[in-house]
Amino acid sequence: VLDARAKYPSNSLADLYNRDGMPGELRQAHNKLDAAVLTVLGLKADASEERILARLFELYDELTRGLLDAQPVKKTRKKPEILA
């Protein structure tokens, strides 16, 4: 995607991502990136946006499960040494 965008240095992002004016190679690069992300997520190429979001929330739940259940670390203060 970055390489495809670099081929159009005088175009703004608004120009490049204009629905009607997006260069074909940039669109192809995004399609390849989308396919790679879906593969990593374990989804089919024709997965709906709803299914993609559901999968992202599943992964978020797996990564964060139990974080709030963890016991807080008890802070102990070191007692000052008494000099004799």
C-alpha atoms as a PDB file:
ATOM      1  CA  VAL A   1       0.000   0.000   0.000  1.00  0.00           C
ATOM      2  CA  LEU A   2       2.764   2.423   0.922  1.00  0.00           C
ATOM      3  CA  ASP A   3       4.690   1.602  -2.250  1.00  0.00           C
ATOM      4  CA  ALA A   4       1.576   2.148  -4.355  1.00  0.00           C
ATOM      5  CA  ARG A   5       0.877   5.483  -2.646  1.00  0.00           C
ATOM      6  CA  ALA A   6       4.499   6.565  -3.103  1.00  0.00           C
ATOM      7  CA  LYS A   7       4.023   6.437  -6.867  1.00  0.00           C
ATOM      8  CA  TYR A   8       1.749   9.477  -6.578  1.00  0.00           C
ATOM      9  CA  PRO A   9       3.765  11.971  -4.503  1.00  0.00           C
ATOM     10  CA  SER A  10       1.854  15.011  -5.735  1.00  0.00           C
ATOM     11  CA  ASN A  11      -1.543  13.542  -4.815  1.00  0.00           C
ATOM     12  CA  SER A  12      -3.063  14.147  -1.404  1.00  0.00           C
ATOM     13  CA  LEU A  13      -4.605  11.272   0.544  1.00  0.00           C
ATOM     14  CA  ALA A  14      -7.987  12.783  -0.295  1.00  0.00           C
ATOM     15  CA  ASP A  15      -7.119  12.510  -3.987  1.00  0.00           C
ATOM     16  CA  LEU A  16      -5.782   8.973  -3.692  1.00  0.00           C
ATOM     17  CA  TYR A  17      -8.748   7.709  -1.703  1.00  0.00           C
ATOM     18  CA  ASN A  18     -11.418   9.399  -3.778  1.00  0.00           C
ATOM     19  CA  ARG A  19     -13.785   6.572  -4.593  1.00  0.00           C
ATOM     20  CA  ASP A  20     -13.889   7.478  -8.268  1.00  0.00           C
ATOM     21  CA  GLY A  21     -10.246   8.452  -8.640  1.00  0.00           C
ATOM     22  CA  MET A  22      -8.321   5.808  -6.687  1.00  0.00           C
ATOM     23  CA  PRO A  23      -5.483   4.460  -8.827  1.00  0.00           C
ATOM     24  CA  GLY A  24      -5.983   0.816  -9.771  1.00  0.00           C
ATOM     25  CA  GLU A  25      -2.680  -0.328  -8.284  1.00  0.00           C
ATOM     26  CA  LEU A  26      -3.563   1.285  -4.942  1.00  0.00           C
ATOM     27  CA  ARG A  27      -6.930  -0.449  -4.941  1.00  0.00           C
ATOM     28  CA  GLN A  28      -5.187  -3.765  -5.752  1.00  0.00           C
ATOM     29  CA  ALA A  29      -2.689  -3.223  -2.930  1.00  0.00           C
ATOM     30  CA  HIS A  30      -5.534  -2.627  -0.475  1.00  0.00           C
ATOM     31  CA  ASN A  31      -7.356  -5.718  -1.705  1.00  0.00           C
ATOM     32  CA  LYS A  32      -4.208  -7.812  -1.125  1.00  0.00           C
ATOM     33  CA  LEU A  33      -3.774  -6.300   2.343  1.00  0.00           C
ATOM     34  CA  ASP A  34      -7.419  -6.987   3.197  1.00  0.00           C
ATOM     35  CA  ALA A  35      -7.034 -10.617   2.089  1.00  0.00           C
ATOM     36  CA  ALA A  36      -3.883 -11.038   4.206  1.00  0.00           C
ATOM     37  CA  VAL A  37      -5.586  -9.595   7.293  1.00  0.00           C
ATOM     38  CA  LEU A  38      -8.582 -11.885   6.846  1.00  0.00           C
ATOM     39  CA  THR A  39      -6.250 -14.864   6.558  1.00  0.00           C
ATOM     40  CA  VAL A  40      -4.479 -13.893   9.783  1.00  0.00           C
ATOM     41  CA  LEU A  41      -7.843 -13.553  11.496  1.00  0.00           C
ATOM     42  CA  GLY A  42      -8.825 -17.003  10.261  1.00  0.00           C
ATOM     43  CA  LEU A  43     -11.667 -15.689   8.137  1.00  0.00           C
ATOM     44  CA  LYS A  44     -12.750 -16.413   4.579  1.00  0.00           C
ATOM     45  CA  ALA A  45     -12.144 -13.841   1.855  1.00  0.00           C
ATOM     46  CA  ASP A  46     -15.879 -13.129   1.620  1.00  0.00           C
ATOM     47  CA  ALA A  47     -16.373 -12.505   5.348  1.00  0.00           C
ATOM     48  CA  SER A  48     -18.928  -9.813   6.099  1.00  0.00           C
ATOM     49  CA  GLU A  49     -18.032  -6.691   8.071  1.00  0.00           C
ATOM     50  CA  GLU A  50     -20.233  -8.045  10.862  1.00  0.00           C
ATOM     51  CA  ARG A  51     -18.228 -11.294  10.991  1.00  0.00           C
ATOM     52  CA  ILE A  52     -14.911  -9.399  10.885  1.00  0.00           C
ATOM     53  CA  LEU A  53     -15.965  -7.201  13.811  1.00  0.00           C
ATOM     54  CA  ALA A  54     -17.210 -10.231  15.736  1.00  0.00           C
ATOM     55  CA  ARG A  55     -13.829 -11.925  15.242  1.00  0.00           C
ATOM     56  CA  LEU A  56     -11.940  -8.815  16.360  1.00  0.00           C
ATOM     57  CA  PHE A  57     -14.035  -8.661  19.533  1.00  0.00           C
ATOM     58  CA  GLU A  58     -13.433 -12.387  20.132  1.00  0.00           C
ATOM     59  CA  LEU A  59      -9.683 -11.814  19.922  1.00  0.00           C
ATOM     60  CA  TYR A  60      -9.911  -8.758  22.175  1.00  0.00           C
ATOM     61  CA  ASP A  61     -11.834 -10.817  24.722  1.00  0.00           C
ATOM     62  CA  GLU A  62      -9.198 -13.570  24.614  1.00  0.00           C
ATOM     63  CA  LEU A  63      -6.380 -11.070  25.100  1.00  0.00           C
ATOM     64  CA  THR A  64      -8.005  -9.187  27.961  1.00  0.00           C
ATOM     65  CA  ARG A  65      -9.827 -11.983  29.770  1.00  0.00           C
ATOM     66  CA  GLY A  66      -8.836 -12.105  33.405  1.00  0.00           C
ATOM     67  CA  LEU A  67      -7.008  -8.791  33.449  1.00  0.00           C
ATOM     68  CA  LEU A  68      -9.545  -7.238  35.799  1.00  0.00           C
ATOM     69  CA  ASP A  69      -9.588 -10.351  37.977  1.00  0.00           C
ATOM     70  CA  ALA A  70      -5.901 -10.075  38.814  1.00  0.00           C
ATOM     71  CA  GLN A  71      -5.124  -9.273  42.404  1.00  0.00           C
ATOM     72  CA  PRO A  72      -3.510  -5.889  42.913  1.00  0.00           C
ATOM     73  CA  VAL A  73       0.105  -5.955  43.956  1.00  0.00           C
ATOM     74  CA  LYS A  74       0.431  -5.128  47.628  1.00  0.00           C
ATOM     75  CA  LYS A  75       2.807  -2.281  48.228  1.00  0.00           C
ATOM     76  CA  THR A  76       4.921  -2.610  51.327  1.00  0.00           C
ATOM     77  CA  ARG A  77       6.837   0.196  52.885  1.00  0.00           C
ATOM     78  CA  LYS A  78      10.300  -0.461  54.048  1.00  0.00           C
ATOM     79  CA  LYS A  79      10.684   0.311  57.735  1.00  0.00           C
ATOM     80  CA  PRO A  80      13.361   2.867  58.440  1.00  0.00           C
ATOM     81  CA  GLU A  81      16.471   1.484  60.045  1.00  0.00           C
ATOM     82  CA  ILE A  82      17.115   2.735  63.551  1.00  0.00           C
ATOM     83  CA  LEU A  83      20.676   3.771  64.132  1.00  0.00           C
ATOM     84  CA  ALA A  84      22.087   2.775  67.519  1.00  0.00           C
END
